[in-house]
Amino acid sequence: MSDNEDNFDDGDFDDGEEDEGLDDLENVEDEDQENYERARVLGTRALQIAMCAPVMVELEGETDPLQIAMKELKSRKIPIIIRSATSSLTLKQTNKETH
């Protein structure tokens, strides 16, 4: 048998099983990406607040920039737009700020 020949028959694989777990994998990757994006946005926004950027929510005694950034995120007031490429190489844009 030469190096170019396969060691299996065409019937060895069922095409239906090929994509079986991909949907679950994509969901996990989406969740991981969302967690990464959330952490990145919170860190970036906390740094901005620490450097005296205007705060977009009413403060109720919070002084920690990260706590303020989390409060802004919960109330969807962070003035940051997230752009990321999806697996199909299309641009996905998430606007964290609501008008």
N, C-alpha and C. Protein backbone atom coordinates (compact mmCIF):
# COMPACT_ATOMS: atom_id res chain seq x y z
N MET A 1 0.85 -1.18 0.00
CA MET A 1 0.00 0.00 0.00
C MET A 1 0.89 1.24 0.00
N SER A 2 0.59 2.21 -0.84
CA SER A 2 1.42 3.42 -0.92
C SER A 2 1.02 4.41 0.17
N ASP A 3 1.85 5.42 0.36
CA ASP A 3 1.58 6.43 1.38
C ASP A 3 0.35 7.26 1.08
N ASN A 4 -0.07 7.33 -0.17
CA ASN A 4 -1.20 8.15 -0.57
C ASN A 4 -2.53 7.44 -0.42
N GLU A 5 -2.53 6.13 -0.18
CA GLU A 5 -3.78 5.39 -0.08
C GLU A 5 -4.30 5.44 1.35
N ASP A 6 -5.63 5.46 1.49
CA ASP A 6 -6.26 5.48 2.80
C ASP A 6 -6.34 4.07 3.35
N ASN A 7 -6.33 3.93 4.66
CA ASN A 7 -6.44 2.64 5.33
C ASN A 7 -7.85 2.36 5.79
N PHE A 8 -8.84 3.00 5.22
CA PHE A 8 -10.22 2.76 5.62
C PHE A 8 -11.12 2.80 4.40
N ASP A 9 -12.31 2.21 4.56
CA ASP A 9 -13.30 2.22 3.50
C ASP A 9 -14.20 3.42 3.67
N ASP A 10 -14.90 3.79 2.60
CA ASP A 10 -15.83 4.92 2.67
C ASP A 10 -16.95 4.67 3.67
N GLY A 11 -17.28 3.42 3.93
CA GLY A 11 -18.37 3.10 4.85
C GLY A 11 -17.97 3.17 6.31
N ASP A 12 -16.70 3.46 6.61
CA ASP A 12 -16.24 3.49 8.00
C ASP A 12 -16.79 4.68 8.78
N PHE A 13 -17.19 5.72 8.11
CA PHE A 13 -17.66 6.92 8.79
C PHE A 13 -19.08 7.24 8.37
N ASP A 14 -19.87 7.65 9.34
CA ASP A 14 -21.24 8.07 9.07
C ASP A 14 -21.25 9.59 9.03
N ASP A 15 -21.65 10.16 7.90
CA ASP A 15 -21.63 11.61 7.74
C ASP A 15 -22.52 12.32 8.75
N GLY A 16 -23.56 11.67 9.23
CA GLY A 16 -24.48 12.28 10.18
C GLY A 16 -23.84 12.57 11.53
N GLU A 17 -22.83 11.81 11.91
CA GLU A 17 -22.19 12.01 13.20
C GLU A 17 -21.20 13.16 13.20
N GLU A 18 -20.84 13.63 12.04
CA GLU A 18 -19.77 14.62 11.91
C GLU A 18 -20.06 15.92 12.65
N ASP A 19 -21.28 16.43 12.55
CA ASP A 19 -21.63 17.73 13.14
C ASP A 19 -22.37 17.59 14.46
N GLU A 20 -22.38 16.42 15.04
CA GLU A 20 -23.21 16.14 16.20
C GLU A 20 -22.95 17.08 17.37
N GLY A 21 -21.71 17.33 17.75
CA GLY A 21 -21.42 18.14 18.92
C GLY A 21 -21.04 19.57 18.61
N LEU A 22 -21.09 19.98 17.37
CA LEU A 22 -20.63 21.32 17.01
C LEU A 22 -21.51 22.42 17.58
N ASP A 23 -22.84 22.20 17.64
CA ASP A 23 -23.72 23.23 18.18
C ASP A 23 -23.40 23.50 19.65
N ASP A 24 -23.18 22.42 20.42
CA ASP A 24 -22.83 22.60 21.83
C ASP A 24 -21.49 23.31 21.97
N LEU A 25 -20.54 22.97 21.12
CA LEU A 25 -19.22 23.61 21.17
C LEU A 25 -19.33 25.09 20.86
N GLU A 26 -20.14 25.45 19.87
CA GLU A 26 -20.31 26.86 19.52
C GLU A 26 -20.95 27.63 20.67
N ASN A 27 -21.93 27.01 21.36
CA ASN A 27 -22.56 27.68 22.49
C ASN A 27 -21.56 27.93 23.61
N VAL A 28 -20.70 26.96 23.89
CA VAL A 28 -19.67 27.12 24.92
C VAL A 28 -18.70 28.22 24.51
N GLU A 29 -18.30 28.21 23.24
CA GLU A 29 -17.38 29.25 22.76
C GLU A 29 -18.02 30.62 22.84
N ASP A 30 -19.32 30.72 22.52
CA ASP A 30 -20.02 32.00 22.62
C ASP A 30 -20.03 32.49 24.07
N GLU A 31 -20.33 31.58 25.01
CA GLU A 31 -20.35 31.96 26.41
C GLU A 31 -18.96 32.40 26.88
N ASP A 32 -17.93 31.66 26.47
CA ASP A 32 -16.56 32.03 26.83
C ASP A 32 -16.21 33.39 26.25
N GLN A 33 -16.59 33.62 25.00
CA GLN A 33 -16.30 34.90 24.36
C GLN A 33 -17.05 36.02 25.07
N GLU A 34 -18.31 35.77 25.45
CA GLU A 34 -19.07 36.79 26.16
C GLU A 34 -18.42 37.10 27.51
N ASN A 35 -17.95 36.08 28.22
CA ASN A 35 -17.28 36.31 29.50
C ASN A 35 -16.00 37.11 29.29
N TYR A 36 -15.25 36.77 28.25
CA TYR A 36 -14.02 37.50 27.95
C TYR A 36 -14.34 38.95 27.62
N GLU A 37 -15.36 39.15 26.77
CA GLU A 37 -15.73 40.52 26.38
C GLU A 37 -16.19 41.31 27.59
N ARG A 38 -16.98 40.68 28.46
CA ARG A 38 -17.47 41.35 29.66
C ARG A 38 -16.30 41.77 30.55
N ALA A 39 -15.36 40.88 30.76
CA ALA A 39 -14.20 41.20 31.60
C ALA A 39 -13.36 42.31 30.97
N ARG A 40 -13.20 42.23 29.67
CA ARG A 40 -12.40 43.25 28.97
C ARG A 40 -13.07 44.62 29.05
N VAL A 41 -14.39 44.66 28.85
CA VAL A 41 -15.13 45.92 28.91
C VAL A 41 -15.09 46.48 30.33
N LEU A 42 -15.31 45.63 31.33
CA LEU A 42 -15.28 46.11 32.72
C LEU A 42 -13.90 46.67 33.08
N GLY A 43 -12.86 45.98 32.69
CA GLY A 43 -11.51 46.46 32.99
C GLY A 43 -11.20 47.77 32.30
N THR A 44 -11.59 47.87 31.03
CA THR A 44 -11.36 49.10 30.27
C THR A 44 -12.14 50.26 30.87
N ARG A 45 -13.40 49.99 31.19
CA ARG A 45 -14.25 51.06 31.74
C ARG A 45 -13.79 51.46 33.14
N ALA A 46 -13.37 50.50 33.95
CA ALA A 46 -12.87 50.82 35.29
C ALA A 46 -11.62 51.70 35.20
N LEU A 47 -10.76 51.41 34.25
CA LEU A 47 -9.57 52.24 34.05
C LEU A 47 -9.96 53.66 33.63
N GLN A 48 -10.95 53.77 32.74
CA GLN A 48 -11.41 55.09 32.32
C GLN A 48 -11.95 55.87 33.52
N ILE A 49 -12.75 55.20 34.35
CA ILE A 49 -13.33 55.86 35.52
C ILE A 49 -12.23 56.28 36.49
N ALA A 50 -11.23 55.43 36.67
CA ALA A 50 -10.11 55.75 37.56
C ALA A 50 -9.32 56.96 37.05
N MET A 51 -9.36 57.18 35.73
CA MET A 51 -8.66 58.32 35.13
C MET A 51 -9.60 59.53 34.99
N CYS A 52 -10.67 59.56 35.79
CA CYS A 52 -11.61 60.68 35.89
C CYS A 52 -12.55 60.84 34.70
N ALA A 53 -12.89 59.76 34.02
CA ALA A 53 -13.90 59.83 32.96
C ALA A 53 -15.27 60.04 33.61
N PRO A 54 -16.19 60.69 32.91
CA PRO A 54 -17.53 60.89 33.48
C PRO A 54 -18.22 59.55 33.73
N VAL A 55 -18.92 59.48 34.85
CA VAL A 55 -19.66 58.28 35.23
C VAL A 55 -21.07 58.39 34.67
N MET A 56 -21.58 57.29 34.11
CA MET A 56 -22.86 57.31 33.42
C MET A 56 -24.05 56.89 34.28
N VAL A 57 -23.83 56.60 35.56
CA VAL A 57 -24.91 56.21 36.46
C VAL A 57 -24.83 57.06 37.73
N GLU A 58 -25.91 57.09 38.47
CA GLU A 58 -25.92 57.77 39.75
C GLU A 58 -25.15 56.93 40.76
N LEU A 59 -24.24 57.57 41.48
CA LEU A 59 -23.46 56.87 42.49
C LEU A 59 -24.18 56.91 43.82
N GLU A 60 -24.14 55.79 44.51
CA GLU A 60 -24.75 55.69 45.83
C GLU A 60 -23.67 55.31 46.84
N GLY A 61 -22.58 56.06 46.82
CA GLY A 61 -21.50 55.81 47.76
C GLY A 61 -20.39 54.94 47.20
N GLU A 62 -20.52 54.44 45.96
CA GLU A 62 -19.46 53.62 45.37
C GLU A 62 -18.25 54.49 45.07
N THR A 63 -17.08 53.97 45.40
CA THR A 63 -15.84 54.68 45.09
C THR A 63 -14.89 53.82 44.27
N ASP A 64 -15.08 52.51 44.27
CA ASP A 64 -14.22 51.59 43.52
C ASP A 64 -14.59 51.65 42.04
N PRO A 65 -13.63 51.98 41.17
CA PRO A 65 -13.93 52.09 39.73
C PRO A 65 -14.53 50.81 39.13
N LEU A 66 -14.08 49.64 39.60
CA LEU A 66 -14.62 48.39 39.07
C LEU A 66 -16.08 48.21 39.49
N GLN A 67 -16.42 48.56 40.71
CA GLN A 67 -17.81 48.47 41.17
C GLN A 67 -18.70 49.44 40.38
N ILE A 68 -18.18 50.62 40.10
CA ILE A 68 -18.93 51.59 39.30
C ILE A 68 -19.13 51.07 37.88
N ALA A 69 -18.07 50.48 37.30
CA ALA A 69 -18.18 49.91 35.95
C ALA A 69 -19.20 48.78 35.92
N MET A 70 -19.22 47.94 36.96
CA MET A 70 -20.22 46.86 37.03
C MET A 70 -21.63 47.43 37.12
N LYS A 71 -21.80 48.50 37.87
CA LYS A 71 -23.11 49.14 37.98
C LYS A 71 -23.54 49.71 36.62
N GLU A 72 -22.59 50.32 35.90
CA GLU A 72 -22.89 50.82 34.56
C GLU A 72 -23.28 49.67 33.62
N LEU A 73 -22.56 48.55 33.72
CA LEU A 73 -22.87 47.41 32.87
C LEU A 73 -24.26 46.86 33.16
N LYS A 74 -24.59 46.73 34.43
CA LYS A 74 -25.92 46.21 34.80
C LYS A 74 -27.03 47.12 34.30
N SER A 75 -26.79 48.43 34.31
CA SER A 75 -27.82 49.36 33.84
C SER A 75 -27.66 49.69 32.36
N ARG A 76 -26.73 48.96 31.67
CA ARG A 76 -26.51 49.09 30.23
C ARG A 76 -26.18 50.52 29.83
N LYS A 77 -25.32 51.16 30.59
CA LYS A 77 -24.93 52.54 30.33
C LYS A 77 -23.46 52.70 29.97
N ILE A 78 -22.73 51.61 29.77
CA ILE A 78 -21.31 51.71 29.41
C ILE A 78 -21.21 52.22 27.98
N PRO A 79 -20.49 53.31 27.75
CA PRO A 79 -20.39 53.88 26.40
C PRO A 79 -19.31 53.20 25.55
N ILE A 80 -19.40 51.88 25.41
CA ILE A 80 -18.42 51.11 24.65
C ILE A 80 -19.16 50.21 23.67
N ILE A 81 -18.67 50.15 22.44
CA ILE A 81 -19.23 49.26 21.42
C ILE A 81 -18.25 48.12 21.20
N ILE A 82 -18.76 46.89 21.24
CA ILE A 82 -17.92 45.71 21.01
C ILE A 82 -18.13 45.24 19.58
N ARG A 83 -17.04 45.10 18.86
CA ARG A 83 -17.09 44.54 17.51
C ARG A 83 -16.21 43.31 17.49
N SER A 84 -16.77 42.19 17.05
CA SER A 84 -15.98 40.96 16.98
C SER A 84 -16.39 40.16 15.76
N ALA A 85 -15.46 39.41 15.23
CA ALA A 85 -15.73 38.56 14.08
C ALA A 85 -16.34 37.26 14.58
N THR A 86 -17.41 36.82 13.95
CA THR A 86 -18.01 35.55 14.30
C THR A 86 -17.28 34.44 13.56
N SER A 87 -17.68 33.21 13.84
CA SER A 87 -17.01 32.08 13.21
C SER A 87 -17.19 32.08 11.69
N SER A 88 -18.24 32.70 11.20
CA SER A 88 -18.46 32.76 9.75
C SER A 88 -17.82 34.01 9.15
N LEU A 89 -16.96 34.67 9.94
CA LEU A 89 -16.21 35.86 9.51
C LEU A 89 -17.10 37.04 9.15
N THR A 90 -18.28 37.11 9.75
CA THR A 90 -19.11 38.29 9.61
C THR A 90 -18.88 39.16 10.84
N LEU A 91 -19.14 40.42 10.72
CA LEU A 91 -18.90 41.34 11.82
C LEU A 91 -20.11 41.36 12.73
N LYS A 92 -19.88 41.12 14.00
CA LYS A 92 -20.94 41.16 14.99
C LYS A 92 -20.68 42.38 15.85
N GLN A 93 -21.68 43.24 15.97
CA GLN A 93 -21.50 44.45 16.76
C GLN A 93 -22.49 44.43 17.91
N THR A 94 -21.99 44.67 19.10
CA THR A 94 -22.82 44.73 20.28
C THR A 94 -22.66 46.10 20.89
N ASN A 95 -23.75 46.83 20.98
CA ASN A 95 -23.71 48.15 21.59
C ASN A 95 -24.17 48.01 23.02
N LYS A 96 -23.29 48.23 23.97
CA LYS A 96 -23.62 48.09 25.38
C LYS A 96 -24.36 49.31 25.92
N GLU A 97 -24.45 50.35 25.13
CA GLU A 97 -25.11 51.57 25.57
C GLU A 97 -26.51 51.60 24.98
N THR A 98 -27.52 51.87 25.79
CA THR A 98 -28.88 52.03 25.29
C THR A 98 -29.23 53.50 25.32
N HIS A 99 -30.00 53.91 24.37
CA HIS A 99 -30.36 55.34 24.29
C HIS A 99 -31.74 55.56 24.85
